[in-house]
Amino acid sequence: MKEIKATRKNIKKFIKNLRKEDYEELKYFLKKKITKKFQKELENLSDFYFLSDKNHPIALGGVQQDKKHKYIGKAWLLCADMSKHSKMKLYKFIKEKILDYQKQYDIIYNFIFKSNFKAQKWLEKFGFIFLNTQNPDFKLFYYSNGEQKIDIRNIAN
């Protein structure tokens, strides 16, 4: 497993092979022209990783720093179907990344489709907590080291 550049070709190949649940989430937010819009979104991010195994893009993720609060990060991760073949390597890599992010940010959060059970299991293993949201299709997941006395629901709205 190695990190690769987020070229248009790699992004296109990756999106074509996304897990169904991850593709549905991406489609929910980007609606149409997903590859083009997603490439544009990546251009605005500075802290993300793109992983490949045997020349197949398998995972893309990172944390985006909150504009108002530097100690808050919005985590995201998308995986390709092929990632199941490298599940242990991927799990180890992501665990190390999350530990790094937990040192960098006091609070890490985002939303996930309620039906994305595999991703929820992973997040639970990494210590994330889940809350229901006003949107019945999503759950809020978050990690807090307890340093900041902020109601996560106020940040996530």
Protein backbone atom coordinates (compact mmCIF):
# COMPACT_ATOMS: atom_id res chain seq x y z
CA MET A 1 0.00 0.00 0.00
CA LYS A 2 1.33 3.42 -0.92
CA GLU A 3 0.17 7.01 -1.22
CA ILE A 4 -0.47 8.25 -4.75
CA LYS A 5 -1.26 11.60 -6.40
CA ALA A 6 -4.85 12.65 -6.89
CA THR A 7 -4.70 12.88 -10.68
CA ARG A 8 -7.87 13.08 -12.76
CA LYS A 9 -7.19 9.53 -14.03
CA ASN A 10 -6.75 8.13 -10.50
CA ILE A 11 -9.84 9.94 -9.22
CA LYS A 12 -11.95 8.64 -12.12
CA LYS A 13 -10.75 5.07 -11.56
CA PHE A 14 -11.34 5.39 -7.82
CA ILE A 15 -14.91 6.74 -8.12
CA LYS A 16 -15.74 4.02 -10.64
CA ASN A 17 -14.79 1.42 -8.01
CA LEU A 18 -16.20 3.08 -4.87
CA ARG A 19 -18.10 1.00 -2.36
CA LYS A 20 -21.82 1.39 -3.05
CA GLU A 21 -22.44 3.11 0.31
CA ASP A 22 -19.63 5.62 -0.24
CA TYR A 23 -20.77 6.35 -3.78
CA GLU A 24 -24.32 7.03 -2.54
CA GLU A 25 -23.02 9.53 0.02
CA LEU A 26 -20.89 11.28 -2.59
CA LYS A 27 -23.84 11.38 -5.00
CA TYR A 28 -26.10 12.82 -2.27
CA PHE A 29 -23.80 15.81 -1.80
CA LEU A 30 -22.49 16.38 -5.33
CA LYS A 31 -25.65 15.38 -7.27
CA LYS A 32 -24.31 15.33 -10.89
CA LYS A 33 -20.91 15.30 -12.60
CA ILE A 34 -19.52 13.62 -9.50
CA THR A 35 -15.97 12.99 -10.74
CA LYS A 36 -15.48 16.56 -11.95
CA LYS A 37 -17.00 18.12 -8.82
CA PHE A 38 -15.06 15.81 -6.52
CA GLN A 39 -11.78 16.68 -8.27
CA LYS A 40 -12.62 20.36 -7.71
CA GLU A 41 -13.36 19.70 -4.01
CA LEU A 42 -9.96 18.02 -3.60
CA GLU A 43 -8.21 21.06 -5.04
CA ASN A 44 -9.51 23.07 -2.07
CA LEU A 45 -8.17 20.61 0.51
CA SER A 46 -4.63 20.58 1.81
CA ASP A 47 -4.65 17.61 4.18
CA PHE A 48 -5.75 14.36 2.58
CA TYR A 49 -4.29 11.03 1.58
CA PHE A 50 -4.94 8.81 -1.44
CA LEU A 51 -3.95 5.16 -1.12
CA SER A 52 -3.26 2.56 -3.76
CA ASP A 53 -2.62 -1.15 -3.53
CA LYS A 54 -1.18 -2.94 -6.55
CA ASN A 55 -1.97 0.07 -8.78
CA HIS A 56 -5.62 0.16 -7.68
CA PRO A 57 -6.79 3.27 -5.81
CA ILE A 58 -8.44 1.94 -2.65
CA ALA A 59 -8.99 4.80 -0.18
CA LEU A 60 -9.11 8.56 -0.07
CA GLY A 61 -9.61 10.57 3.09
CA GLY A 62 -8.46 13.29 5.42
CA VAL A 63 -9.52 15.98 7.84
CA GLN A 64 -10.55 19.50 6.91
CA GLN A 65 -9.86 22.15 9.54
CA ASP A 66 -12.86 24.20 10.69
CA LYS A 67 -12.64 27.82 9.50
CA LYS A 68 -13.70 29.29 12.87
CA HIS A 69 -12.08 26.84 15.29
CA LYS A 70 -8.60 25.51 14.52
CA TYR A 71 -9.01 22.71 17.07
CA ILE A 72 -11.98 21.21 15.19
CA GLY A 73 -11.63 18.96 12.14
CA LYS A 74 -14.16 17.44 9.76
CA ALA A 75 -13.09 13.88 8.93
CA TRP A 76 -13.92 12.04 5.74
CA LEU A 77 -12.99 8.74 4.11
CA LEU A 78 -14.10 6.98 0.95
CA CYS A 79 -13.14 3.40 0.08
CA ALA A 80 -13.20 1.39 -3.12
CA ASP A 81 -14.62 -2.12 -3.29
CA MET A 82 -11.09 -3.40 -3.71
CA SER A 83 -10.13 -2.17 -0.26
CA LYS A 84 -11.60 -5.32 1.31
CA HIS A 85 -8.66 -7.27 -0.14
CA SER A 86 -6.27 -5.06 1.80
CA LYS A 87 -8.52 -4.52 4.82
CA MET A 88 -5.89 -5.13 7.51
CA LYS A 89 -3.29 -2.86 5.87
CA LEU A 90 -5.89 -0.18 5.32
CA TYR A 91 -7.18 -0.47 8.89
CA LYS A 92 -3.65 -0.09 10.28
CA PHE A 93 -2.92 2.94 8.09
CA ILE A 94 -6.18 4.67 8.98
CA LYS A 95 -5.73 3.93 12.68
CA GLU A 96 -2.33 5.67 12.60
CA LYS A 97 -3.84 8.63 10.70
CA ILE A 98 -6.70 8.97 13.19
CA LEU A 99 -4.25 8.90 16.11
CA ASP A 100 -2.31 11.73 14.40
CA TYR A 101 -5.50 13.70 13.80
CA GLN A 102 -6.58 13.17 17.42
CA LYS A 103 -3.33 14.84 18.51
CA GLN A 104 -3.91 17.71 16.08
CA TYR A 105 -7.63 18.32 16.76
CA ASP A 106 -9.63 18.36 20.00
CA ILE A 107 -12.83 17.50 18.14
CA ILE A 108 -13.25 15.48 14.94
CA TYR A 109 -16.67 15.00 13.36
CA ASN A 110 -18.77 14.47 10.26
CA PHE A 111 -22.00 12.86 9.07
CA ILE A 112 -22.61 9.38 7.72
CA PHE A 113 -25.56 7.67 6.06
CA LYS A 114 -27.37 5.57 8.66
CA SER A 115 -27.28 2.66 6.20
CA ASN A 116 -23.46 2.73 5.92
CA PHE A 117 -23.01 -0.01 8.55
CA LYS A 118 -19.47 -1.09 7.58
CA ALA A 119 -18.12 2.43 7.96
CA GLN A 120 -19.96 2.83 11.26
CA LYS A 121 -18.30 -0.32 12.61
CA TRP A 122 -14.87 1.03 11.65
CA LEU A 123 -15.57 4.39 13.24
CA GLU A 124 -16.74 2.72 16.45
CA LYS A 125 -13.48 0.75 16.61
CA PHE A 126 -11.61 4.07 16.39
CA GLY A 127 -13.56 5.51 19.33
CA PHE A 128 -16.08 7.71 17.52
CA ILE A 129 -19.50 8.31 19.08
CA PHE A 130 -22.76 8.54 17.12
CA LEU A 131 -25.75 10.86 17.50
CA ASN A 132 -28.98 10.98 15.53
CA THR A 133 -29.60 14.12 13.48
CA GLN A 134 -32.66 16.00 12.30
CA ASN A 135 -32.09 14.44 8.89
CA PRO A 136 -33.41 10.85 9.24
CA ASP A 137 -30.91 9.55 6.66
CA PHE A 138 -27.78 10.60 8.57
CA LYS A 139 -25.97 10.16 11.86
CA LEU A 140 -23.40 12.51 13.30
CA PHE A 141 -20.15 10.86 14.38
CA TYR A 142 -17.55 12.58 16.50
CA TYR A 143 -14.49 12.23 18.70
CA SER A 144 -13.67 14.66 21.49
CA ASN A 145 -10.66 14.60 23.78
CA GLY A 146 -12.70 16.58 26.34
CA GLU A 147 -10.51 19.71 26.22
CA GLN A 148 -13.16 21.91 24.60
CA LYS A 149 -16.52 22.44 26.31
CA ILE A 150 -18.52 22.77 23.09
CA ASP A 151 -21.77 21.06 22.20
CA ILE A 152 -20.92 19.15 19.03
CA ARG A 153 -24.49 19.58 17.77
CA ASN A 154 -23.90 23.36 17.54
CA ILE A 155 -20.78 22.90 15.41
CA ALA A 156 -22.33 20.33 13.10
CA ASN A 157 -25.44 22.34 12.17
